Each structure stands twice: as structure tokens, then as C-alpha cells.
Amino acid sequence: RIEAATTNPALDPVAFINPDGTYAVVIKASIGANISISGLPQGR
């Protein structure tokens, strides 16, 4: 698990680096929302 933070209290993010080096971010949203994420490495 790595740090994930938000300024929107309606969003509850968690972020992880998987054993194969890929990143995963999962966000529980209590409302519909536009989300901007920074800090992910380049890739698909």
C-alpha cells in the first residue's frame, strides 16, 4: 500500500503497487464525481 489522498470527502481512495510492479488505485465514491489523479508512472 502507498499513500493516496483526496481533497474531496466524498471520495475514499486506496493505492497499491502490485508484486509485478503495476499500480492499482481503487476509489469508493459516495457521489458521482470527476476525478483527477497524479503520481502514477507512465504506462497503460
Full PDB file with SEQRES, HELIX, SHEET, SSBOND, CRYST1, ORIGX, SCALE, CONECT and MASTER records, all heavy atoms in Angstrom:
SEQRES   1 A   44  ARG ILE GLU ALA ALA THR THR ASN PRO ALA LEU ASP PRO          
SEQRES   2 A   44  VAL ALA PHE ILE ASN PRO ASP GLY THR TYR ALA VAL VAL          
SEQRES   3 A   44  ILE LYS ALA SER ILE GLY ALA ASN ILE SER ILE SER GLY          
SEQRES   4 A   44  LEU PRO GLN GLY ARG                                          
SHEET    1 AA1 2 LEU A  11  ILE A  17  0                                        
SHEET    2 AA1 2 TYR A  23  ALA A  29 -1                                        
CRYST1    1.000    1.000    1.000  90.00  90.00  90.00 P 1           1          
ORIGX1      1.000000  0.000000  0.000000        0.00000                         
ORIGX2      0.000000  1.000000  0.000000        0.00000                         
ORIGX3      0.000000  0.000000  1.000000        0.00000                         
SCALE1      1.000000  0.000000  0.000000        0.00000                         
SCALE2      0.000000  1.000000  0.000000        0.00000                         
SCALE3      0.000000  0.000000  1.000000        0.00000                         
ATOM      1  N   ARG A   1       0.839  -1.195   0.000  1.00  0.00           N  
ATOM      2  CA  ARG A   1       0.000   0.000   0.000  1.00  0.00           C  
ATOM      3  C   ARG A   1       0.874   1.245   0.000  1.00  0.00           C  
ATOM      4  O   ARG A   1       1.881   1.312   0.708  1.00  0.00           O  
ATOM      5  CB  ARG A   1      -0.926   0.004   1.214  1.00  0.00           C  
ATOM      6  CG  ARG A   1      -1.951   1.125   1.156  1.00  0.00           C  
ATOM      7  CD  ARG A   1      -3.034   0.959   2.174  1.00  0.00           C  
ATOM      8  NE  ARG A   1      -3.975   2.058   2.061  1.00  0.00           N  
ATOM      9  CZ  ARG A   1      -5.023   2.206   2.825  1.00  0.00           C  
ATOM     10  NH1 ARG A   1      -5.284   1.317   3.771  1.00  0.00           N  
ATOM     11  NH2 ARG A   1      -5.832   3.222   2.664  1.00  0.00           N  
ATOM     12  N   ILE A   2       0.469   2.226  -0.808  1.00  0.00           N  
ATOM     13  CA  ILE A   2       1.158   3.507  -0.867  1.00  0.00           C  
ATOM     14  C   ILE A   2       0.150   4.606  -0.566  1.00  0.00           C  
ATOM     15  O   ILE A   2      -1.062   4.373  -0.535  1.00  0.00           O  
ATOM     16  CB  ILE A   2       1.843   3.724  -2.240  1.00  0.00           C  
ATOM     17  CG1 ILE A   2       0.827   3.636  -3.383  1.00  0.00           C  
ATOM     18  CG2 ILE A   2       2.982   2.722  -2.427  1.00  0.00           C  
ATOM     19  CD1 ILE A   2       1.403   3.943  -4.758  1.00  0.00           C  
ATOM     20  N   GLU A   3       0.649   5.801  -0.360  1.00  0.00           N  
ATOM     21  CA  GLU A   3      -0.217   6.905   0.023  1.00  0.00           C  
ATOM     22  C   GLU A   3      -1.180   7.287  -1.105  1.00  0.00           C  
ATOM     23  O   GLU A   3      -0.809   7.330  -2.275  1.00  0.00           O  
ATOM     24  CB  GLU A   3       0.611   8.132   0.388  1.00  0.00           C  
ATOM     25  CG  GLU A   3      -0.240   9.294   0.848  1.00  0.00           C  
ATOM     26  CD  GLU A   3       0.587  10.502   1.253  1.00  0.00           C  
ATOM     27  OE1 GLU A   3       1.820  10.454   1.144  1.00  0.00           O  
ATOM     28  OE2 GLU A   3      -0.021  11.489   1.667  1.00  0.00           O  
ATOM     29  N   ALA A   4      -2.413   7.533  -0.727  1.00  0.00           N  
ATOM     30  CA  ALA A   4      -3.433   8.078  -1.628  1.00  0.00           C  
ATOM     31  C   ALA A   4      -4.231   9.093  -0.819  1.00  0.00           C  
ATOM     32  O   ALA A   4      -4.667   8.799   0.292  1.00  0.00           O  
ATOM     33  CB  ALA A   4      -4.347   6.977  -2.152  1.00  0.00           C  
ATOM     34  N   ALA A   5      -4.394  10.284  -1.357  1.00  0.00           N  
ATOM     35  CA  ALA A   5      -5.083  11.351  -0.634  1.00  0.00           C  
ATOM     36  C   ALA A   5      -6.044  12.062  -1.577  1.00  0.00           C  
ATOM     37  O   ALA A   5      -5.880  12.023  -2.795  1.00  0.00           O  
ATOM     38  CB  ALA A   5      -4.076  12.349  -0.074  1.00  0.00           C  
ATOM     39  N   THR A   6      -7.035  12.705  -0.997  1.00  0.00           N  
ATOM     40  CA  THR A   6      -8.017  13.452  -1.780  1.00  0.00           C  
ATOM     41  C   THR A   6      -8.424  14.707  -1.021  1.00  0.00           C  
ATOM     42  O   THR A   6      -8.346  14.748   0.214  1.00  0.00           O  
ATOM     43  CB  THR A   6      -9.255  12.592  -2.088  1.00  0.00           C  
ATOM     44  OG1 THR A   6     -10.179  13.363  -2.872  1.00  0.00           O  
ATOM     45  CG2 THR A   6      -9.953  12.129  -0.828  1.00  0.00           C  
ATOM     46  N   THR A   7      -8.872  15.700  -1.765  1.00  0.00           N  
ATOM     47  CA  THR A   7      -9.441  16.899  -1.149  1.00  0.00           C  
ATOM     48  C   THR A   7     -10.958  16.825  -1.134  1.00  0.00           C  
ATOM     49  O   THR A   7     -11.609  17.706  -0.606  1.00  0.00           O  
ATOM     50  CB  THR A   7      -8.996  18.170  -1.921  1.00  0.00           C  
ATOM     51  OG1 THR A   7      -9.406  18.037  -3.284  1.00  0.00           O  
ATOM     52  CG2 THR A   7      -7.485  18.351  -1.840  1.00  0.00           C  
ATOM     53  N   ASN A   8     -11.515  15.765  -1.719  1.00  0.00           N  
ATOM     54  CA  ASN A   8     -12.965  15.599  -1.797  1.00  0.00           C  
ATOM     55  C   ASN A   8     -13.401  14.558  -0.772  1.00  0.00           C  
ATOM     56  O   ASN A   8     -13.101  13.368  -0.925  1.00  0.00           O  
ATOM     57  CB  ASN A   8     -13.355  15.153  -3.210  1.00  0.00           C  
ATOM     58  CG  ASN A   8     -14.849  15.068  -3.409  1.00  0.00           C  
ATOM     59  OD1 ASN A   8     -15.604  14.961  -2.457  1.00  0.00           O  
ATOM     60  ND2 ASN A   8     -15.277  15.106  -4.660  1.00  0.00           N  
ATOM     61  N   PRO A   9     -14.138  14.945   0.264  1.00  0.00           N  
ATOM     62  CA  PRO A   9     -14.540  13.991   1.298  1.00  0.00           C  
ATOM     63  C   PRO A   9     -15.514  12.919   0.803  1.00  0.00           C  
ATOM     64  O   PRO A   9     -15.739  11.928   1.489  1.00  0.00           O  
ATOM     65  CB  PRO A   9     -15.176  14.870   2.381  1.00  0.00           C  
ATOM     66  CG  PRO A   9     -15.572  16.128   1.680  1.00  0.00           C  
ATOM     67  CD  PRO A   9     -14.597  16.307   0.542  1.00  0.00           C  
ATOM     68  N   ALA A  10     -16.058  13.081  -0.398  1.00  0.00           N  
ATOM     69  CA  ALA A  10     -16.969  12.071  -0.962  1.00  0.00           C  
ATOM     70  C   ALA A  10     -16.200  10.923  -1.616  1.00  0.00           C  
ATOM     71  O   ALA A  10     -16.808   9.942  -2.037  1.00  0.00           O  
ATOM     72  CB  ALA A  10     -17.910  12.712  -1.970  1.00  0.00           C  
ATOM     73  N   LEU A  11     -14.873  11.051  -1.699  1.00  0.00           N  
ATOM     74  CA  LEU A  11     -14.037  10.026  -2.317  1.00  0.00           C  
ATOM     75  C   LEU A  11     -13.124   9.404  -1.274  1.00  0.00           C  
ATOM     76  O   LEU A  11     -12.537  10.112  -0.450  1.00  0.00           O  
ATOM     77  CB  LEU A  11     -13.196  10.624  -3.451  1.00  0.00           C  
ATOM     78  CG  LEU A  11     -13.964  11.308  -4.567  1.00  0.00           C  
ATOM     79  CD1 LEU A  11     -13.006  11.947  -5.557  1.00  0.00           C  
ATOM     80  CD2 LEU A  11     -14.908  10.336  -5.267  1.00  0.00           C  
ATOM     81  N   ASP A  12     -12.980   8.081  -1.331  1.00  0.00           N  
ATOM     82  CA  ASP A  12     -12.137   7.350  -0.385  1.00  0.00           C  
ATOM     83  C   ASP A  12     -11.169   6.463  -1.181  1.00  0.00           C  
ATOM     84  O   ASP A  12     -11.509   5.336  -1.534  1.00  0.00           O  
ATOM     85  CB  ASP A  12     -13.015   6.514   0.544  1.00  0.00           C  
ATOM     86  CG  ASP A  12     -12.236   5.845   1.659  1.00  0.00           C  
ATOM     87  OD1 ASP A  12     -11.061   6.193   1.870  1.00  0.00           O  
ATOM     88  OD2 ASP A  12     -12.810   4.958   2.313  1.00  0.00           O  
ATOM     89  N   PRO A  13      -9.963   6.985  -1.490  1.00  0.00           N  
ATOM     90  CA  PRO A  13      -9.033   6.227  -2.335  1.00  0.00           C  
ATOM     91  C   PRO A  13      -8.071   5.348  -1.534  1.00  0.00           C  
ATOM     92  O   PRO A  13      -7.715   5.666  -0.399  1.00  0.00           O  
ATOM     93  CB  PRO A  13      -8.254   7.333  -3.036  1.00  0.00           C  
ATOM     94  CG  PRO A  13      -8.182   8.422  -2.003  1.00  0.00           C  
ATOM     95  CD  PRO A  13      -9.508   8.348  -1.261  1.00  0.00           C  
ATOM     96  N   VAL A  14      -7.641   4.254  -2.158  1.00  0.00           N  
ATOM     97  CA  VAL A  14      -6.510   3.452  -1.694  1.00  0.00           C  
ATOM     98  C   VAL A  14      -5.647   3.177  -2.920  1.00  0.00           C  
ATOM     99  O   VAL A  14      -6.157   3.074  -4.039  1.00  0.00           O  
ATOM    100  CB  VAL A  14      -6.926   2.126  -1.009  1.00  0.00           C  
ATOM    101  CG1 VAL A  14      -7.631   2.391   0.309  1.00  0.00           C  
ATOM    102  CG2 VAL A  14      -7.780   1.269  -1.919  1.00  0.00           C  
ATOM    103  N   ALA A  15      -4.336   3.065  -2.709  1.00  0.00           N  
ATOM    104  CA  ALA A  15      -3.424   2.825  -3.826  1.00  0.00           C  
ATOM    105  C   ALA A  15      -2.404   1.773  -3.414  1.00  0.00           C  
ATOM    106  O   ALA A  15      -1.987   1.711  -2.254  1.00  0.00           O  
ATOM    107  CB  ALA A  15      -2.728   4.116  -4.235  1.00  0.00           C  
ATOM    108  N   PHE A  16      -1.998   0.957  -4.391  1.00  0.00           N  
ATOM    109  CA  PHE A  16      -1.073  -0.138  -4.141  1.00  0.00           C  
ATOM    110  C   PHE A  16      -0.122  -0.300  -5.312  1.00  0.00           C  
ATOM    111  O   PHE A  16      -0.461   0.025  -6.448  1.00  0.00           O  
ATOM    112  CB  PHE A  16      -1.840  -1.459  -3.981  1.00  0.00           C  
ATOM    113  CG  PHE A  16      -2.670  -1.535  -2.735  1.00  0.00           C  
ATOM    114  CD1 PHE A  16      -3.935  -0.975  -2.694  1.00  0.00           C  
ATOM    115  CD2 PHE A  16      -2.180  -2.173  -1.607  1.00  0.00           C  
ATOM    116  CE1 PHE A  16      -4.706  -1.047  -1.551  1.00  0.00           C  
ATOM    117  CE2 PHE A  16      -2.943  -2.246  -0.466  1.00  0.00           C  
ATOM    118  CZ  PHE A  16      -4.212  -1.688  -0.426  1.00  0.00           C  
ATOM    119  N   ILE A  17       1.065  -0.831  -5.016  1.00  0.00           N  
ATOM    120  CA  ILE A  17       1.961  -1.326  -6.050  1.00  0.00           C  
ATOM    121  C   ILE A  17       1.905  -2.844  -5.943  1.00  0.00           C  
ATOM    122  O   ILE A  17       2.209  -3.428  -4.899  1.00  0.00           O  
ATOM    123  CB  ILE A  17       3.404  -0.831  -5.860  1.00  0.00           C  
ATOM    124  CG1 ILE A  17       3.447   0.693  -5.856  1.00  0.00           C  
ATOM    125  CG2 ILE A  17       4.299  -1.396  -6.969  1.00  0.00           C  
ATOM    126  CD1 ILE A  17       4.816   1.267  -5.530  1.00  0.00           C  
ATOM    127  N   ASN A  18       1.456  -3.472  -7.017  1.00  0.00           N  
ATOM    128  CA  ASN A  18       1.329  -4.925  -7.049  1.00  0.00           C  
ATOM    129  C   ASN A  18       2.711  -5.579  -7.179  1.00  0.00           C  
ATOM    130  O   ASN A  18       3.674  -4.923  -7.588  1.00  0.00           O  
ATOM    131  CB  ASN A  18       0.421  -5.347  -8.209  1.00  0.00           C  
ATOM    132  CG  ASN A  18      -1.030  -5.080  -7.895  1.00  0.00           C  
ATOM    133  OD1 ASN A  18      -1.519  -5.413  -6.822  1.00  0.00           O  
ATOM    134  ND2 ASN A  18      -1.732  -4.463  -8.833  1.00  0.00           N  
ATOM    135  N   PRO A  19       2.823  -6.858  -6.831  1.00  0.00           N  
ATOM    136  CA  PRO A  19       4.122  -7.546  -6.920  1.00  0.00           C  
ATOM    137  C   PRO A  19       4.765  -7.488  -8.303  1.00  0.00           C  
ATOM    138  O   PRO A  19       5.991  -7.525  -8.414  1.00  0.00           O  
ATOM    139  CB  PRO A  19       3.797  -8.985  -6.522  1.00  0.00           C  
ATOM    140  CG  PRO A  19       2.599  -8.868  -5.649  1.00  0.00           C  
ATOM    141  CD  PRO A  19       1.804  -7.718  -6.227  1.00  0.00           C  
ATOM    142  N   ASP A  20       3.966  -7.367  -9.367  1.00  0.00           N  
ATOM    143  CA  ASP A  20       4.538  -7.295 -10.718  1.00  0.00           C  
ATOM    144  C   ASP A  20       4.949  -5.870 -11.108  1.00  0.00           C  
ATOM    145  O   ASP A  20       5.360  -5.615 -12.233  1.00  0.00           O  
ATOM    146  CB  ASP A  20       3.573  -7.872 -11.748  1.00  0.00           C  
ATOM    147  CG  ASP A  20       2.289  -7.063 -11.899  1.00  0.00           C  
ATOM    148  OD1 ASP A  20       2.103  -6.042 -11.184  1.00  0.00           O  
ATOM    149  OD2 ASP A  20       1.453  -7.443 -12.737  1.00  0.00           O  
ATOM    150  N   GLY A  21       4.819  -4.912 -10.165  1.00  0.00           N  
ATOM    151  CA  GLY A  21       5.218  -3.529 -10.412  1.00  0.00           C  
ATOM    152  C   GLY A  21       4.125  -2.629 -10.940  1.00  0.00           C  
ATOM    153  O   GLY A  21       4.327  -1.420 -11.070  1.00  0.00           O  
ATOM    154  N   THR A  22       2.961  -3.185 -11.264  1.00  0.00           N  
ATOM    155  CA  THR A  22       1.852  -2.346 -11.730  1.00  0.00           C  
ATOM    156  C   THR A  22       1.192  -1.653 -10.540  1.00  0.00           C  
ATOM    157  O   THR A  22       1.231  -2.153  -9.412  1.00  0.00           O  
ATOM    158  CB  THR A  22       0.793  -3.168 -12.488  1.00  0.00           C  
ATOM    159  OG1 THR A  22       0.276  -4.184 -11.626  1.00  0.00           O  
ATOM    160  CG2 THR A  22       1.372  -3.784 -13.750  1.00  0.00           C  
ATOM    161  N   TYR A  23       0.600  -0.513 -10.818  1.00  0.00           N  
ATOM    162  CA  TYR A  23      -0.096   0.251  -9.790  1.00  0.00           C  
ATOM    163  C   TYR A  23      -1.589  -0.008  -9.884  1.00  0.00           C  
ATOM    164  O   TYR A  23      -2.118  -0.232 -10.976  1.00  0.00           O  
ATOM    165  CB  TYR A  23       0.153   1.750  -9.973  1.00  0.00           C  
ATOM    166  CG  TYR A  23       1.502   2.220  -9.485  1.00  0.00           C  
ATOM    167  CD1 TYR A  23       2.680   1.672  -9.968  1.00  0.00           C  
ATOM    168  CD2 TYR A  23       1.604   3.228  -8.545  1.00  0.00           C  
ATOM    169  CE1 TYR A  23       3.920   2.108  -9.526  1.00  0.00           C  
ATOM    170  CE2 TYR A  23       2.836   3.681  -8.094  1.00  0.00           C  
ATOM    171  CZ  TYR A  23       3.987   3.113  -8.590  1.00  0.00           C  
ATOM    172  OH  TYR A  23       5.204   3.546  -8.151  1.00  0.00           O  
ATOM    173  N   ALA A  24      -2.259   0.064  -8.738  1.00  0.00           N  
ATOM    174  CA  ALA A  24      -3.723  -0.044  -8.689  1.00  0.00           C  
ATOM    175  C   ALA A  24      -4.247   1.014  -7.727  1.00  0.00           C  
ATOM    176  O   ALA A  24      -3.749   1.139  -6.607  1.00  0.00           O  
ATOM    177  CB  ALA A  24      -4.156  -1.429  -8.240  1.00  0.00           C  
ATOM    178  N   VAL A  25      -5.223   1.772  -8.189  1.00  0.00           N  
ATOM    179  CA  VAL A  25      -5.901   2.759  -7.356  1.00  0.00           C  
ATOM    180  C   VAL A  25      -7.376   2.406  -7.388  1.00  0.00           C  
ATOM    181  O   VAL A  25      -7.957   2.240  -8.458  1.00  0.00           O  
ATOM    182  CB  VAL A  25      -5.699   4.199  -7.884  1.00  0.00           C  
ATOM    183  CG1 VAL A  25      -6.446   5.205  -7.014  1.00  0.00           C  
ATOM    184  CG2 VAL A  25      -4.224   4.538  -7.977  1.00  0.00           C  
ATOM    185  N   VAL A  26      -7.966   2.264  -6.211  1.00  0.00           N  
ATOM    186  CA  VAL A  26      -9.393   1.967  -6.123  1.00  0.00           C  
ATOM    187  C   VAL A  26     -10.027   3.064  -5.271  1.00  0.00           C  
ATOM    188  O   VAL A  26      -9.533   3.383  -4.187  1.00  0.00           O  
ATOM    189  CB  VAL A  26      -9.661   0.571  -5.521  1.00  0.00           C  
ATOM    190  CG1 VAL A  26     -11.163   0.283  -5.496  1.00  0.00           C  
ATOM    191  CG2 VAL A  26      -8.910  -0.507  -6.301  1.00  0.00           C  
ATOM    192  N   ILE A  27     -11.108   3.630  -5.785  1.00  0.00           N  
ATOM    193  CA  ILE A  27     -11.751   4.762  -5.120  1.00  0.00           C  
ATOM    194  C   ILE A  27     -13.215   4.447  -4.870  1.00  0.00           C  
ATOM    195  O   ILE A  27     -13.962   4.155  -5.811  1.00  0.00           O  
ATOM    196  CB  ILE A  27     -11.644   6.038  -5.980  1.00  0.00           C  
ATOM    197  CG1 ILE A  27     -10.177   6.342  -6.292  1.00  0.00           C  
ATOM    198  CG2 ILE A  27     -12.321   7.213  -5.284  1.00  0.00           C  
ATOM    199  CD1 ILE A  27      -9.984   7.372  -7.382  1.00  0.00           C  
ATOM    200  N   LYS A  28     -13.595   4.519  -3.615  1.00  0.00           N  
ATOM    201  CA  LYS A  28     -15.008   4.410  -3.236  1.00  0.00           C  
ATOM    202  C   LYS A  28     -15.586   5.822  -3.296  1.00  0.00           C  
ATOM    203  O   LYS A  28     -15.067   6.737  -2.649  1.00  0.00           O  
ATOM    204  CB  LYS A  28     -15.135   3.837  -1.830  1.00  0.00           C  
ATOM    205  CG  LYS A  28     -16.554   3.755  -1.336  1.00  0.00           C  
ATOM    206  CD  LYS A  28     -16.575   3.205   0.082  1.00  0.00           C  
ATOM    207  CE  LYS A  28     -17.927   3.367   0.710  1.00  0.00           C  
ATOM    208  NZ  LYS A  28     -17.894   3.038   2.141  1.00  0.00           N  
ATOM    209  N   ALA A  29     -16.629   5.997  -4.098  1.00  0.00           N  
ATOM    210  CA  ALA A  29     -17.239   7.316  -4.288  1.00  0.00           C  
ATOM    211  C   ALA A  29     -18.657   7.295  -3.727  1.00  0.00           C  
ATOM    212  O   ALA A  29     -19.462   6.453  -4.116  1.00  0.00           O  
ATOM    213  CB  ALA A  29     -17.266   7.672  -5.769  1.00  0.00           C  
ATOM    214  N   SER A  30     -18.955   8.225  -2.832  1.00  0.00           N  
ATOM    215  CA  SER A  30     -20.310   8.281  -2.283  1.00  0.00           C  
ATOM    216  C   SER A  30     -21.244   9.106  -3.168  1.00  0.00           C  
ATOM    217  O   SER A  30     -22.450   9.157  -2.924  1.00  0.00           O  
ATOM    218  CB  SER A  30     -20.296   8.826  -0.852  1.00  0.00           C  
ATOM    219  OG  SER A  30     -19.748  10.120  -0.815  1.00  0.00           O  
ATOM    220  N   ILE A  31     -20.680   9.754  -4.203  1.00  0.00           N  
ATOM    221  CA  ILE A  31     -21.451  10.508  -5.193  1.00  0.00           C  
ATOM    222  C   ILE A  31     -20.769  10.346  -6.550  1.00  0.00           C  
ATOM    223  O   ILE A  31     -19.621   9.919  -6.619  1.00  0.00           O  
ATOM    224  CB  ILE A  31     -21.531  12.017  -4.846  1.00  0.00           C  
ATOM    225  CG1 ILE A  31     -20.113  12.629  -4.806  1.00  0.00           C  
ATOM    226  CG2 ILE A  31     -22.276  12.261  -3.550  1.00  0.00           C  
ATOM    227  CD1 ILE A  31     -20.083  14.135  -4.716  1.00  0.00           C  
ATOM    228  N   GLY A  32     -21.451  10.723  -7.616  1.00  0.00           N  
ATOM    229  CA  GLY A  32     -20.789  10.810  -8.909  1.00  0.00           C  
ATOM    230  C   GLY A  32     -19.767  11.935  -8.851  1.00  0.00           C  
ATOM    231  O   GLY A  32     -19.995  12.944  -8.183  1.00  0.00           O  
ATOM    232  N   ALA A  33     -18.628  11.754  -9.532  1.00  0.00           N  
ATOM    233  CA  ALA A  33     -17.581  12.767  -9.415  1.00  0.00           C  
ATOM    234  C   ALA A  33     -16.629  12.712 -10.598  1.00  0.00           C  
ATOM    235  O   ALA A  33     -16.423  11.657 -11.197  1.00  0.00           O  
ATOM    236  CB  ALA A  33     -16.806  12.557  -8.125  1.00  0.00           C  
ATOM    237  N   ASN A  34     -16.053  13.871 -10.900  1.00  0.00           N  
ATOM    238  CA  ASN A  34     -14.909  13.953 -11.797  1.00  0.00           C  
ATOM    239  C   ASN A  34     -13.675  13.793 -10.921  1.00  0.00           C  
ATOM    240  O   ASN A  34     -13.580  14.412  -9.860  1.00  0.00           O  
ATOM    241  CB  ASN A  34     -14.875  15.287 -12.539  1.00  0.00           C  
ATOM    242  CG  ASN A  34     -16.039  15.419 -13.487  1.00  0.00           C  
ATOM    243  OD1 ASN A  34     -16.399  14.472 -14.180  1.00  0.00           O  
ATOM    244  ND2 ASN A  34     -16.644  16.596 -13.529  1.00  0.00           N  
ATOM    245  N   ILE A  35     -12.733  12.981 -11.375  1.00  0.00           N  
ATOM    246  CA  ILE A  35     -11.570  12.637 -10.562  1.00  0.00           C  
ATOM    247  C   ILE A  35     -10.310  12.907 -11.371  1.00  0.00           C  
ATOM    248  O   ILE A  35     -10.209  12.484 -12.525  1.00  0.00           O  
ATOM    249  CB  ILE A  35     -11.624  11.150 -10.155  1.00  0.00           C  
ATOM    250  CG1 ILE A  35     -12.922  10.859  -9.382  1.00  0.00           C  
ATOM    251  CG2 ILE A  35     -10.402  10.753  -9.348  1.00  0.00           C  
ATOM    252  CD1 ILE A  35     -13.215   9.379  -9.208  1.00  0.00           C  
ATOM    253  N   SER A  36      -9.345  13.594 -10.760  1.00  0.00           N  
ATOM    254  CA  SER A  36      -8.036  13.823 -11.373  1.00  0.00           C  
ATOM    255  C   SER A  36      -6.988  13.161 -10.487  1.00  0.00           C  
ATOM    256  O   SER A  36      -6.941  13.412  -9.284  1.00  0.00           O  
ATOM    257  CB  SER A  36      -7.735  15.320 -11.488  1.00  0.00           C  
ATOM    258  OG  SER A  36      -8.608  15.917 -12.415  1.00  0.00           O  
ATOM    259  N   ILE A  37      -6.162  12.335 -11.103  1.00  0.00           N  
ATOM    260  CA  ILE A  37      -5.157  11.573 -10.358  1.00  0.00           C  
ATOM    261  C   ILE A  37      -3.774  11.948 -10.875  1.00  0.00           C  
ATOM    262  O   ILE A  37      -3.540  11.978 -12.082  1.00  0.00           O  
ATOM    263  CB  ILE A  37      -5.383  10.059 -10.533  1.00  0.00           C  
ATOM    264  CG1 ILE A  37      -6.763   9.681  -9.972  1.00  0.00           C  
ATOM    265  CG2 ILE A  37      -4.279   9.259  -9.850  1.00  0.00           C  
ATOM    266  CD1 ILE A  37      -7.154   8.253 -10.258  1.00  0.00           C  
ATOM    267  N   SER A  38      -2.866  12.212  -9.949  1.00  0.00           N  
ATOM    268  CA  SER A  38      -1.473  12.459 -10.320  1.00  0.00           C  
ATOM    269  C   SER A  38      -0.605  11.436  -9.593  1.00  0.00           C  
ATOM    270  O   SER A  38      -1.028  10.810  -8.630  1.00  0.00           O  
ATOM    271  CB  SER A  38      -1.049  13.875  -9.939  1.00  0.00           C  
ATOM    272  OG  SER A  38      -1.016  14.010  -8.533  1.00  0.00           O  
ATOM    273  N   GLY A  39       0.627  11.287 -10.071  1.00  0.00           N  
ATOM    274  CA  GLY A  39       1.586  10.436  -9.391  1.00  0.00           C  
ATOM    275  C   GLY A  39       1.689   9.023  -9.919  1.00  0.00           C  
ATOM    276  O   GLY A  39       2.503   8.241  -9.428  1.00  0.00           O  
ATOM    277  N   LEU A  40       0.880   8.670 -10.908  1.00  0.00           N  
ATOM    278  CA  LEU A  40       1.006   7.336 -11.496  1.00  0.00           C  
ATOM    279  C   LEU A  40       2.167   7.333 -12.487  1.00  0.00           C  
ATOM    280  O   LEU A  40       2.358   8.299 -13.223  1.00  0.00           O  
ATOM    281  CB  LEU A  40      -0.284   6.933 -12.217  1.00  0.00           C  
ATOM    282  CG  LEU A  40      -1.494   6.658 -11.337  1.00  0.00           C  
ATOM    283  CD1 LEU A  40      -2.735   6.457 -12.202  1.00  0.00           C  
ATOM    284  CD2 LEU A  40      -1.256   5.443 -10.455  1.00  0.00           C  
ATOM    285  N   PRO A  41       2.933   6.255 -12.531  1.00  0.00           N  
ATOM    286  CA  PRO A  41       4.015   6.197 -13.511  1.00  0.00           C  
ATOM    287  C   PRO A  41       3.455   6.065 -14.923  1.00  0.00           C  
ATOM    288  O   PRO A  41       2.303   5.663 -15.112  1.00  0.00           O  
ATOM    289  CB  PRO A  41       4.802   4.950 -13.107  1.00  0.00           C  
ATOM    290  CG  PRO A  41       3.857   4.115 -12.338  1.00  0.00           C  
ATOM    291  CD  PRO A  41       2.884   5.059 -11.688  1.00  0.00           C  
ATOM    292  N   GLN A  42       4.285   6.393 -15.894  1.00  0.00           N  
ATOM    293  CA  GLN A  42       3.838   6.271 -17.279  1.00  0.00           C  
ATOM    294  C   GLN A  42       3.501   4.826 -17.583  1.00  0.00           C  
ATOM    295  O   GLN A  42       4.035   3.910 -16.981  1.00  0.00           O  
ATOM    296  CB  GLN A  42       4.888   6.805 -18.239  1.00  0.00           C  
ATOM    297  CG  GLN A  42       6.131   5.976 -18.338  1.00  0.00           C  
ATOM    298  CD  GLN A  42       7.120   6.594 -19.318  1.00  0.00           C  
ATOM    299  OE1 GLN A  42       7.085   7.797 -19.595  1.00  0.00           O  
ATOM    300  NE2 GLN A  42       7.997   5.786 -19.842  1.00  0.00           N  
ATOM    301  N   GLY A  43       2.561   4.641 -18.487  1.00  0.00           N  
ATOM    302  CA  GLY A  43       2.153   3.299 -18.871  1.00  0.00           C  
ATOM    303  C   GLY A  43       0.694   3.258 -19.263  1.00  0.00           C  
ATOM    304  O   GLY A  43       0.001   4.283 -19.305  1.00  0.00           O  
ATOM    305  N   ARG A  44       0.217   2.067 -19.535  1.00  0.00           N  
ATOM    306  CA  ARG A  44      -1.174   1.859 -19.946  1.00  0.00           C  
ATOM    307  C   ARG A  44      -1.999   1.428 -18.736  1.00  0.00           C  
ATOM    308  O   ARG A  44      -1.570   0.563 -17.961  1.00  0.00           O  
ATOM    309  CB  ARG A  44      -1.229   0.799 -21.039  1.00  0.00           C  
ATOM    310  CG  ARG A  44      -2.562   0.795 -21.752  1.00  0.00           C  
ATOM    311  CD  ARG A  44      -2.518  -0.072 -22.984  1.00  0.00           C  
ATOM    312  NE  ARG A  44      -3.376  -1.213 -22.708  1.00  0.00           N  
ATOM    313  CZ  ARG A  44      -3.131  -2.444 -23.083  1.00  0.00           C  
ATOM    314  NH1 ARG A  44      -2.055  -2.739 -23.762  1.00  0.00           N  
ATOM    315  NH2 ARG A  44      -3.976  -3.395 -22.801  1.00  0.00           N  
TER     316      ARG A  44                                                      
MASTER        0    0    0    0    2    0    0    6  315    1    0    4          
END                                                                             
